[in-house]
Amino acid sequence: MTKYIALLRKDADSDFGVEFPDFPRCVTAGSSLEEAGRFAEEALRFHVEGMIQDGTALPAASTLDEIRADAKNQDARA
């Protein structure tokens, strides 16, 4: 099974945001870390199911080093 990396972001006045660099439009957020994790799993599953239904190929999974090399990801936690 392919594993995709999720990035977590949190500002002082925001919820926990989650994004998947390999799926740029797949994002979610939760008011707690636990909620954000549940929502992230649901969002990715829904996103992937939609791609499969549309006949869109899933991307190859990026490595953590590849994701960290992108300057916009320096402030996120994997």
PDB file of N, CA and C in Angstrom:
ATOM      1  N   MET A   1       0.834  -1.175   0.000  1.00  0.00           N
ATOM      2  CA  MET A   1       0.000   0.000   0.000  1.00  0.00           C
ATOM      3  C   MET A   1       0.883   1.244   0.000  1.00  0.00           C
ATOM      4  N   THR A   2       0.567   2.174  -0.854  1.00  0.00           N
ATOM      5  CA  THR A   2       1.324   3.416  -0.951  1.00  0.00           C
ATOM      6  C   THR A   2       0.993   4.313   0.235  1.00  0.00           C
ATOM      7  N   LYS A   3       2.006   4.919   0.801  1.00  0.00           N
ATOM      8  CA  LYS A   3       1.839   5.848   1.932  1.00  0.00           C
ATOM      9  C   LYS A   3       2.151   7.261   1.437  1.00  0.00           C
ATOM     10  N   TYR A   4       1.240   8.166   1.682  1.00  0.00           N
ATOM     11  CA  TYR A   4       1.428   9.567   1.316  1.00  0.00           C
ATOM     12  C   TYR A   4       1.643  10.386   2.577  1.00  0.00           C
ATOM     13  N   ILE A   5       2.507  11.359   2.494  1.00  0.00           N
ATOM     14  CA  ILE A   5       2.859  12.197   3.638  1.00  0.00           C
ATOM     15  C   ILE A   5       1.857  13.336   3.773  1.00  0.00           C
ATOM     16  N   ALA A   6       1.427  13.553   5.008  1.00  0.00           N
ATOM     17  CA  ALA A   6       0.565  14.679   5.345  1.00  0.00           C
ATOM     18  C   ALA A   6       1.409  15.713   6.071  1.00  0.00           C
ATOM     19  N   LEU A   7       1.135  16.976   5.812  1.00  0.00           N
ATOM     20  CA  LEU A   7       1.796  18.069   6.524  1.00  0.00           C
ATOM     21  C   LEU A   7       0.787  18.753   7.423  1.00  0.00           C
ATOM     22  N   LEU A   8       1.229  19.086   8.610  1.00  0.00           N
ATOM     23  CA  LEU A   8       0.394  19.728   9.607  1.00  0.00           C
ATOM     24  C   LEU A   8       0.894  21.143   9.844  1.00  0.00           C
ATOM     25  N   ARG A   9      -0.039  22.077   9.888  1.00  0.00           N
ATOM     26  CA  ARG A   9       0.295  23.477  10.173  1.00  0.00           C
ATOM     27  C   ARG A   9      -0.651  23.987  11.264  1.00  0.00           C
ATOM     28  N   LYS A  10      -0.117  24.835  12.114  1.00  0.00           N
ATOM     29  CA  LYS A  10      -0.939  25.402  13.192  1.00  0.00           C
ATOM     30  C   LYS A  10      -0.415  26.776  13.543  1.00  0.00           C
ATOM     31  N   ASP A  11      -1.258  27.776  13.366  1.00  0.00           N
ATOM     32  CA  ASP A  11      -0.960  29.124  13.833  1.00  0.00           C
ATOM     33  C   ASP A  11      -1.645  29.311  15.181  1.00  0.00           C
ATOM     34  N   ALA A  12      -1.218  30.287  15.931  1.00  0.00           N
ATOM     35  CA  ALA A  12      -1.761  30.504  17.271  1.00  0.00           C
ATOM     36  C   ALA A  12      -3.278  30.693  17.265  1.00  0.00           C
ATOM     37  N   ASP A  13      -3.805  31.320  16.240  1.00  0.00           N
ATOM     38  CA  ASP A  13      -5.242  31.624  16.200  1.00  0.00           C
ATOM     39  C   ASP A  13      -5.998  30.798  15.160  1.00  0.00           C
ATOM     40  N   SER A  14      -5.511  29.592  14.856  1.00  0.00           N
ATOM     41  CA  SER A  14      -6.171  28.769  13.841  1.00  0.00           C
ATOM     42  C   SER A  14      -6.347  27.331  14.317  1.00  0.00           C
ATOM     43  N   ASP A  15      -7.141  26.592  13.558  1.00  0.00           N
ATOM     44  CA  ASP A  15      -7.253  25.154  13.769  1.00  0.00           C
ATOM     45  C   ASP A  15      -5.997  24.480  13.238  1.00  0.00           C
ATOM     46  N   PHE A  16      -5.895  23.180  13.449  1.00  0.00           N
ATOM     47  CA  PHE A  16      -4.803  22.390  12.885  1.00  0.00           C
ATOM     48  C   PHE A  16      -5.137  22.136  11.419  1.00  0.00           C
ATOM     49  N   GLY A  17      -4.308  22.631  10.520  1.00  0.00           N
ATOM     50  CA  GLY A  17      -4.514  22.426   9.094  1.00  0.00           C
ATOM     51  C   GLY A  17      -3.688  21.243   8.608  1.00  0.00           C
ATOM     52  N   VAL A  18      -4.267  20.452   7.707  1.00  0.00           N
ATOM     53  CA  VAL A  18      -3.576  19.293   7.148  1.00  0.00           C
ATOM     54  C   VAL A  18      -3.637  19.369   5.633  1.00  0.00           C
ATOM     55  N   GLU A  19      -2.508  19.102   5.014  1.00  0.00           N
ATOM     56  CA  GLU A  19      -2.446  19.080   3.551  1.00  0.00           C
ATOM     57  C   GLU A  19      -1.583  17.914   3.101  1.00  0.00           C
ATOM     58  N   PHE A  20      -1.804  17.501   1.876  1.00  0.00           N
ATOM     59  CA  PHE A  20      -1.056  16.405   1.280  1.00  0.00           C
ATOM     60  C   PHE A  20      -0.321  16.942   0.052  1.00  0.00           C
ATOM     61  N   PRO A  21       0.990  17.123   0.123  1.00  0.00           N
ATOM     62  CA  PRO A  21       1.732  17.704  -0.999  1.00  0.00           C
ATOM     63  C   PRO A  21       1.546  16.963  -2.322  1.00  0.00           C
ATOM     64  N   ASP A  22       1.324  15.662  -2.274  1.00  0.00           N
ATOM     65  CA  ASP A  22       1.130  14.907  -3.509  1.00  0.00           C
ATOM     66  C   ASP A  22      -0.266  15.097  -4.093  1.00  0.00           C
ATOM     67  N   PHE A  23      -1.175  15.676  -3.317  1.00  0.00           N
ATOM     68  CA  PHE A  23      -2.549  15.964  -3.748  1.00  0.00           C
ATOM     69  C   PHE A  23      -2.852  17.418  -3.387  1.00  0.00           C
ATOM     70  N   PRO A  24      -2.411  18.371  -4.198  1.00  0.00           N
ATOM     71  CA  PRO A  24      -2.466  19.793  -3.836  1.00  0.00           C
ATOM     72  C   PRO A  24      -3.832  20.327  -3.427  1.00  0.00           C
ATOM     73  N   ARG A  25      -4.908  19.761  -3.927  1.00  0.00           N
ATOM     74  CA  ARG A  25      -6.233  20.285  -3.580  1.00  0.00           C
ATOM     75  C   ARG A  25      -6.890  19.504  -2.434  1.00  0.00           C
ATOM     76  N   CYS A  26      -6.173  18.600  -1.829  1.00  0.00           N
ATOM     77  CA  CYS A  26      -6.704  17.795  -0.722  1.00  0.00           C
ATOM     78  C   CYS A  26      -6.221  18.390   0.594  1.00  0.00           C
ATOM     79  N   VAL A  27      -7.093  19.160   1.236  1.00  0.00           N
ATOM     80  CA  VAL A  27      -6.753  19.822   2.497  1.00  0.00           C
ATOM     81  C   VAL A  27      -7.926  19.687   3.460  1.00  0.00           C
ATOM     82  N   THR A  28      -7.635  19.784   4.725  1.00  0.00           N
ATOM     83  CA  THR A  28      -8.670  19.763   5.752  1.00  0.00           C
ATOM     84  C   THR A  28      -8.124  20.413   7.010  1.00  0.00           C
ATOM     85  N   ALA A  29      -8.958  20.506   8.023  1.00  0.00           N
ATOM     86  CA  ALA A  29      -8.533  21.082   9.301  1.00  0.00           C
ATOM     87  C   ALA A  29      -9.400  20.515  10.412  1.00  0.00           C
ATOM     88  N   GLY A  30      -8.887  20.615  11.623  1.00  0.00           N
ATOM     89  CA  GLY A  30      -9.641  20.186  12.795  1.00  0.00           C
ATOM     90  C   GLY A  30      -9.271  21.034  13.983  1.00  0.00           C
ATOM     91  N   SER A  31     -10.196  21.116  14.935  1.00  0.00           N
ATOM     92  CA  SER A  31      -9.948  21.953  16.106  1.00  0.00           C
ATOM     93  C   SER A  31      -8.970  21.321  17.085  1.00  0.00           C
ATOM     94  N   SER A  32      -8.776  20.003  16.987  1.00  0.00           N
ATOM     95  CA  SER A  32      -7.779  19.314  17.804  1.00  0.00           C
ATOM     96  C   SER A  32      -6.895  18.474  16.886  1.00  0.00           C
ATOM     97  N   LEU A  33      -5.775  18.049  17.402  1.00  0.00           N
ATOM     98  CA  LEU A  33      -4.883  17.202  16.622  1.00  0.00           C
ATOM     99  C   LEU A  33      -5.582  15.900  16.239  1.00  0.00           C
ATOM    100  N   GLU A  34      -6.318  15.322  17.161  1.00  0.00           N
ATOM    101  CA  GLU A  34      -7.033  14.081  16.900  1.00  0.00           C
ATOM    102  C   GLU A  34      -8.095  14.266  15.811  1.00  0.00           C
ATOM    103  N   GLU A  35      -8.842  15.355  15.908  1.00  0.00           N
ATOM    104  CA  GLU A  35      -9.872  15.640  14.913  1.00  0.00           C
ATOM    105  C   GLU A  35      -9.240  15.875  13.538  1.00  0.00           C
ATOM    106  N   ALA A  36      -8.154  16.630  13.504  1.00  0.00           N
ATOM    107  CA  ALA A  36      -7.464  16.886  12.237  1.00  0.00           C
ATOM    108  C   ALA A  36      -6.989  15.580  11.612  1.00  0.00           C
ATOM    109  N   GLY A  37      -6.495  14.654  12.414  1.00  0.00           N
ATOM    110  CA  GLY A  37      -6.055  13.361  11.902  1.00  0.00           C
ATOM    111  C   GLY A  37      -7.198  12.566  11.296  1.00  0.00           C
ATOM    112  N   ARG A  38      -8.339  12.540  11.971  1.00  0.00           N
ATOM    113  CA  ARG A  38      -9.514  11.830  11.444  1.00  0.00           C
ATOM    114  C   ARG A  38      -9.985  12.459  10.148  1.00  0.00           C
ATOM    115  N   PHE A  39     -10.073  13.780  10.153  1.00  0.00           N
ATOM    116  CA  PHE A  39     -10.538  14.477   8.957  1.00  0.00           C
ATOM    117  C   PHE A  39      -9.559  14.291   7.795  1.00  0.00           C
ATOM    118  N   ALA A  40      -8.262  14.260   8.097  1.00  0.00           N
ATOM    119  CA  ALA A  40      -7.256  14.077   7.047  1.00  0.00           C
ATOM    120  C   ALA A  40      -7.411  12.709   6.390  1.00  0.00           C
ATOM    121  N   GLU A  41      -7.611  11.688   7.210  1.00  0.00           N
ATOM    122  CA  GLU A  41      -7.796  10.339   6.658  1.00  0.00           C
ATOM    123  C   GLU A  41      -9.031  10.293   5.764  1.00  0.00           C
ATOM    124  N   GLU A  42     -10.125  10.890   6.212  1.00  0.00           N
ATOM    125  CA  GLU A  42     -11.354  10.924   5.421  1.00  0.00           C
ATOM    126  C   GLU A  42     -11.162  11.716   4.129  1.00  0.00           C
ATOM    127  N   ALA A  43     -10.504  12.867   4.225  1.00  0.00           N
ATOM    128  CA  ALA A  43     -10.305  13.714   3.055  1.00  0.00           C
ATOM    129  C   ALA A  43      -9.462  13.014   2.003  1.00  0.00           C
ATOM    130  N   LEU A  44      -8.385  12.371   2.432  1.00  0.00           N
ATOM    131  CA  LEU A  44      -7.526  11.684   1.467  1.00  0.00           C
ATOM    132  C   LEU A  44      -8.271  10.513   0.837  1.00  0.00           C
ATOM    133  N   ARG A  45      -8.999   9.744   1.626  1.00  0.00           N
ATOM    134  CA  ARG A  45      -9.750   8.616   1.082  1.00  0.00           C
ATOM    135  C   ARG A  45     -10.762   9.104   0.038  1.00  0.00           C
ATOM    136  N   PHE A  46     -11.514  10.142   0.368  1.00  0.00           N
ATOM    137  CA  PHE A  46     -12.499  10.703  -0.550  1.00  0.00           C
ATOM    138  C   PHE A  46     -11.836  11.216  -1.830  1.00  0.00           C
ATOM    139  N   HIS A  47     -10.724  11.904  -1.670  1.00  0.00           N
ATOM    140  CA  HIS A  47     -10.002  12.472  -2.816  1.00  0.00           C
ATOM    141  C   HIS A  47      -9.508  11.356  -3.747  1.00  0.00           C
ATOM    142  N   VAL A  48      -8.900  10.331  -3.172  1.00  0.00           N
ATOM    143  CA  VAL A  48      -8.368   9.216  -3.967  1.00  0.00           C
ATOM    144  C   VAL A  48      -9.505   8.458  -4.648  1.00  0.00           C
ATOM    145  N   GLU A  49     -10.598   8.219  -3.931  1.00  0.00           N
ATOM    146  CA  GLU A  49     -11.744   7.534  -4.539  1.00  0.00           C
ATOM    147  C   GLU A  49     -12.268   8.312  -5.735  1.00  0.00           C
ATOM    148  N   GLY A  50     -12.329   9.625  -5.609  1.00  0.00           N
ATOM    149  CA  GLY A  50     -12.772  10.463  -6.716  1.00  0.00           C
ATOM    150  C   GLY A  50     -11.838  10.382  -7.914  1.00  0.00           C
ATOM    151  N   MET A  51     -10.547  10.381  -7.654  1.00  0.00           N
ATOM    152  CA  MET A  51      -9.580  10.265  -8.756  1.00  0.00           C
ATOM    153  C   MET A  51      -9.735   8.926  -9.466  1.00  0.00           C
ATOM    154  N   ILE A  52      -9.918   7.872  -8.694  1.00  0.00           N
ATOM    155  CA  ILE A  52     -10.077   6.540  -9.291  1.00  0.00           C
ATOM    156  C   ILE A  52     -11.353   6.494 -10.123  1.00  0.00           C
ATOM    157  N   GLN A  53     -12.445   7.031  -9.604  1.00  0.00           N
ATOM    158  CA  GLN A  53     -13.704   7.069 -10.354  1.00  0.00           C
ATOM    159  C   GLN A  53     -13.560   7.862 -11.644  1.00  0.00           C
ATOM    160  N   ASP A  54     -12.768   8.914 -11.604  1.00  0.00           N
ATOM    161  CA  ASP A  54     -12.556   9.752 -12.790  1.00  0.00           C
ATOM    162  C   ASP A  54     -11.545   9.152 -13.757  1.00  0.00           C
ATOM    163  N   GLY A  55     -10.888   8.074 -13.359  1.00  0.00           N
ATOM    164  CA  GLY A  55      -9.868   7.463 -14.212  1.00  0.00           C
ATOM    165  C   GLY A  55      -8.550   8.216 -14.195  1.00  0.00           C
ATOM    166  N   THR A  56      -8.336   9.024 -13.169  1.00  0.00           N
ATOM    167  CA  THR A  56      -7.102   9.792 -13.038  1.00  0.00           C
ATOM    168  C   THR A  56      -6.054   8.957 -12.307  1.00  0.00           C
ATOM    169  N   ALA A  57      -4.858   8.928 -12.848  1.00  0.00           N
ATOM    170  CA  ALA A  57      -3.781   8.164 -12.208  1.00  0.00           C
ATOM    171  C   ALA A  57      -3.370   8.830 -10.901  1.00  0.00           C
ATOM    172  N   LEU A  58      -3.115   8.003  -9.897  1.00  0.00           N
ATOM    173  CA  LEU A  58      -2.632   8.520  -8.619  1.00  0.00           C
ATOM    174  C   LEU A  58      -1.155   8.866  -8.743  1.00  0.00           C
ATOM    175  N   PRO A  59      -0.713   9.916  -8.088  1.00  0.00           N
ATOM    176  CA  PRO A  59       0.702  10.293  -8.167  1.00  0.00           C
ATOM    177  C   PRO A  59       1.593   9.322  -7.400  1.00  0.00           C
ATOM    178  N   ALA A  60       2.833   9.271  -7.805  1.00  0.00           N
ATOM    179  CA  ALA A  60       3.819   8.529  -7.021  1.00  0.00           C
ATOM    180  C   ALA A  60       3.996   9.267  -5.697  1.00  0.00           C
ATOM    181  N   ALA A  61       4.219   8.522  -4.648  1.00  0.00           N
ATOM    182  CA  ALA A  61       4.403   9.148  -3.333  1.00  0.00           C
ATOM    183  C   ALA A  61       5.767   9.819  -3.247  1.00  0.00           C
ATOM    184  N   SER A  62       5.772  11.053  -2.803  1.00  0.00           N
ATOM    185  CA  SER A  62       7.022  11.777  -2.595  1.00  0.00           C
ATOM    186  C   SER A  62       7.675  11.291  -1.309  1.00  0.00           C
ATOM    187  N   THR A  63       8.985  11.436  -1.244  1.00  0.00           N
ATOM    188  CA  THR A  63       9.692  11.132  -0.005  1.00  0.00           C
ATOM    189  C   THR A  63       9.651  12.364   0.901  1.00  0.00           C
ATOM    190  N   LEU A  64       9.910  12.147   2.177  1.00  0.00           N
ATOM    191  CA  LEU A  64       9.952  13.275   3.103  1.00  0.00           C
ATOM    192  C   LEU A  64      11.041  14.263   2.696  1.00  0.00           C
ATOM    193  N   ASP A  65      12.182  13.765   2.233  1.00  0.00           N
ATOM    194  CA  ASP A  65      13.261  14.659   1.793  1.00  0.00           C
ATOM    195  C   ASP A  65      12.805  15.524   0.623  1.00  0.00           C
ATOM    196  N   GLU A  66      12.067  14.957  -0.305  1.00  0.00           N
ATOM    197  CA  GLU A  66      11.564  15.730  -1.449  1.00  0.00           C
ATOM    198  C   GLU A  66      10.599  16.815  -0.981  1.00  0.00           C
ATOM    199  N   ILE A  67       9.731  16.470  -0.062  1.00  0.00           N
ATOM    200  CA  ILE A  67       8.753  17.439   0.440  1.00  0.00           C
ATOM    201  C   ILE A  67       9.447  18.534   1.239  1.00  0.00           C
ATOM    202  N   ARG A  68      10.397  18.163   2.072  1.00  0.00           N
ATOM    203  CA  ARG A  68      11.133  19.147   2.882  1.00  0.00           C
ATOM    204  C   ARG A  68      12.001  20.071   2.021  1.00  0.00           C
ATOM    205  N   ALA A  69      12.400  19.622   0.847  1.00  0.00           N
ATOM    206  CA  ALA A  69      13.234  20.446  -0.033  1.00  0.00           C
ATOM    207  C   ALA A  69      12.467  21.657  -0.571  1.00  0.00           C
ATOM    208  N   ASP A  70      11.147  21.593  -0.555  1.00  0.00           N
ATOM    209  CA  ASP A  70      10.322  22.707  -1.023  1.00  0.00           C
ATOM    210  C   ASP A  70      10.252  23.752   0.092  1.00  0.00           C
ATOM    211  N   ALA A  71      10.713  24.951  -0.179  1.00  0.00           N
ATOM    212  CA  ALA A  71      10.788  26.011   0.828  1.00  0.00           C
ATOM    213  C   ALA A  71       9.445  26.294   1.502  1.00  0.00           C
ATOM    214  N   LYS A  72       8.346  26.130   0.786  1.00  0.00           N
ATOM    215  CA  LYS A  72       7.036  26.421   1.383  1.00  0.00           C
ATOM    216  C   LYS A  72       6.640  25.406   2.454  1.00  0.00           C
ATOM    217  N   ASN A  73       7.371  24.303   2.558  1.00  0.00           N
ATOM    218  CA  ASN A  73       7.053  23.286   3.544  1.00  0.00           C
ATOM    219  C   ASN A  73       7.943  23.335   4.774  1.00  0.00           C
ATOM    220  N   GLN A  74       8.798  24.311   4.875  1.00  0.00           N
ATOM    221  CA  GLN A  74       9.761  24.379   5.981  1.00  0.00           C
ATOM    222  C   GLN A  74       9.095  24.585   7.340  1.00  0.00           C
ATOM    223  N   ASP A  75       7.947  25.225   7.366  1.00  0.00           N
ATOM    224  CA  ASP A  75       7.298  25.499   8.649  1.00  0.00           C
ATOM    225  C   ASP A  75       6.264  24.455   9.048  1.00  0.00           C
ATOM    226  N   ALA A  76       6.108  23.406   8.247  1.00  0.00           N
ATOM    227  CA  ALA A  76       5.106  22.369   8.526  1.00  0.00           C
ATOM    228  C   ALA A  76       5.738  21.162   9.211  1.00  0.00           C
ATOM    229  N   ARG A  77       4.914  20.415   9.897  1.00  0.00           N
ATOM    230  CA  ARG A  77       5.330  19.153  10.521  1.00  0.00           C
ATOM    231  C   ARG A  77       4.785  18.015   9.685  1.00  0.00           C
ATOM    232  N   ALA A  78       5.589  16.976   9.498  1.00  0.00           N
ATOM    233  CA  ALA A  78       5.130  15.809   8.737  1.00  0.00           C
ATOM    234  C   ALA A  78       4.654  14.751   9.701  1.00  0.00           C
TER     235      ALA A  78
END
